[in-house]
Amino acid sequence: MINTINAIYKNGRIIFDSDIAIPDETKVFVSYLENGNDDFYLNSSEYSLDKIWANEEDDIYEELLKK
């Protein structure tokens, strides 16, 4: 199973946003966001998600949740 954990890279170290327990010798994959591209990807995702979630056809489900 793959888990995603927020962290920052500072002074040659990866610093996690929260305490986590990872067993020794666990294989990890590291991905990173290049500085300056964060807003582009967030805005692109927001546009796509708005098309999916912000539509009148799904309003009926919101009404069902209120009951």
C-alpha atoms as a PDB file:
ATOM      1  CA  MET A   1       0.000   0.000   0.000  1.00  0.00           C
ATOM      2  CA  ILE A   2       1.224   3.514  -0.775  1.00  0.00           C
ATOM      3  CA  ASN A   3       0.721   6.319   1.759  1.00  0.00           C
ATOM      4  CA  THR A   4       1.227  10.003   1.032  1.00  0.00           C
ATOM      5  CA  ILE A   5       2.765  12.140   3.762  1.00  0.00           C
ATOM      6  CA  ASN A   6       3.293  15.906   3.659  1.00  0.00           C
ATOM      7  CA  ALA A   7       6.825  17.062   4.349  1.00  0.00           C
ATOM      8  CA  ILE A   8       9.355  19.753   3.485  1.00  0.00           C
ATOM      9  CA  TYR A   9      12.989  19.489   2.441  1.00  0.00           C
ATOM     10  CA  LYS A  10      15.258  21.729   4.496  1.00  0.00           C
ATOM     11  CA  ASN A  11      19.032  21.736   4.960  1.00  0.00           C
ATOM     12  CA  GLY A  12      19.447  18.337   3.315  1.00  0.00           C
ATOM     13  CA  ARG A  13      16.747  16.623   5.369  1.00  0.00           C
ATOM     14  CA  ILE A  14      13.136  15.661   4.772  1.00  0.00           C
ATOM     15  CA  ILE A  15      10.989  16.916   7.656  1.00  0.00           C
ATOM     16  CA  PHE A  16       7.507  15.412   7.993  1.00  0.00           C
ATOM     17  CA  ASP A  17       4.564  17.623   8.963  1.00  0.00           C
ATOM     18  CA  SER A  18       3.532  15.123  11.652  1.00  0.00           C
ATOM     19  CA  ASP A  19       5.079  12.299  13.645  1.00  0.00           C
ATOM     20  CA  ILE A  20       4.914   8.978  11.828  1.00  0.00           C
ATOM     21  CA  ALA A  21       6.131   5.482  12.609  1.00  0.00           C
ATOM     22  CA  ILE A  22       7.801   3.827   9.629  1.00  0.00           C
ATOM     23  CA  PRO A  23       9.569   0.512  10.249  1.00  0.00           C
ATOM     24  CA  ASP A  24      13.311   0.380   9.533  1.00  0.00           C
ATOM     25  CA  GLU A  25      14.299  -0.579   5.992  1.00  0.00           C
ATOM     26  CA  THR A  26      10.875   0.310   4.593  1.00  0.00           C
ATOM     27  CA  LYS A  27      11.141   1.122   0.892  1.00  0.00           C
ATOM     28  CA  VAL A  28      10.016   4.699   0.183  1.00  0.00           C
ATOM     29  CA  PHE A  29       9.430   6.730  -2.976  1.00  0.00           C
ATOM     30  CA  VAL A  30      10.083  10.464  -2.850  1.00  0.00           C
ATOM     31  CA  SER A  31       8.285  12.948  -5.106  1.00  0.00           C
ATOM     32  CA  TYR A  32       8.551  16.699  -4.834  1.00  0.00           C
ATOM     33  CA  LEU A  33       6.893  19.838  -6.168  1.00  0.00           C
ATOM     34  CA  GLU A  34       9.162  22.292  -7.904  1.00  0.00           C
ATOM     35  CA  ASN A  35       8.901  25.731  -6.331  1.00  0.00           C
ATOM     36  CA  GLY A  36       6.593  28.027  -8.220  1.00  0.00           C
ATOM     37  CA  ASN A  37       4.441  25.306  -9.772  1.00  0.00           C
ATOM     38  CA  ASP A  38       2.230  24.709  -6.741  1.00  0.00           C
ATOM     39  CA  ASP A  39      -0.407  27.257  -7.729  1.00  0.00           C
ATOM     40  CA  PHE A  40      -0.574  26.003 -11.305  1.00  0.00           C
ATOM     41  CA  TYR A  41      -1.319  22.423 -10.270  1.00  0.00           C
ATOM     42  CA  LEU A  42      -3.740  23.432  -7.517  1.00  0.00           C
ATOM     43  CA  ASN A  43      -5.673  25.715  -9.853  1.00  0.00           C
ATOM     44  CA  SER A  44      -5.776  23.058 -12.564  1.00  0.00           C
ATOM     45  CA  SER A  45      -7.107  20.511 -10.109  1.00  0.00           C
ATOM     46  CA  GLU A  46      -9.684  22.936  -8.749  1.00  0.00           C
ATOM     47  CA  TYR A  47     -11.064  23.594 -12.234  1.00  0.00           C
ATOM     48  CA  SER A  48     -11.426  19.866 -12.927  1.00  0.00           C
ATOM     49  CA  LEU A  49     -12.997  19.139  -9.558  1.00  0.00           C
ATOM     50  CA  ASP A  50     -15.453  22.023  -9.904  1.00  0.00           C
ATOM     51  CA  LYS A  51     -16.752  20.477 -13.116  1.00  0.00           C
ATOM     52  CA  ILE A  52     -17.368  17.213 -11.274  1.00  0.00           C
ATOM     53  CA  TRP A  53     -18.668  18.400  -7.906  1.00  0.00           C
ATOM     54  CA  ALA A  54     -20.312  21.761  -8.606  1.00  0.00           C
ATOM     55  CA  ASN A  55     -23.241  20.699 -10.739  1.00  0.00           C
ATOM     56  CA  GLU A  56     -26.990  21.000 -10.271  1.00  0.00           C
ATOM     57  CA  GLU A  57     -27.605  17.305 -10.912  1.00  0.00           C
ATOM     58  CA  ASP A  58     -25.903  16.400  -7.634  1.00  0.00           C
ATOM     59  CA  ASP A  59     -27.959  18.850  -5.561  1.00  0.00           C
ATOM     60  CA  ILE A  60     -30.465  16.065  -4.849  1.00  0.00           C
ATOM     61  CA  TYR A  61     -27.803  14.233  -2.842  1.00  0.00           C
ATOM     62  CA  GLU A  62     -27.214  17.297  -0.707  1.00  0.00           C
ATOM     63  CA  GLU A  63     -30.931  17.376   0.084  1.00  0.00           C
ATOM     64  CA  LEU A  64     -30.849  13.695   1.084  1.00  0.00           C
ATOM     65  CA  LEU A  65     -28.002  14.379   3.522  1.00  0.00           C
ATOM     66  CA  LYS A  66     -30.104  17.002   5.295  1.00  0.00           C
ATOM     67  CA  LYS A  67     -32.807  14.411   6.130  1.00  0.00           C
END
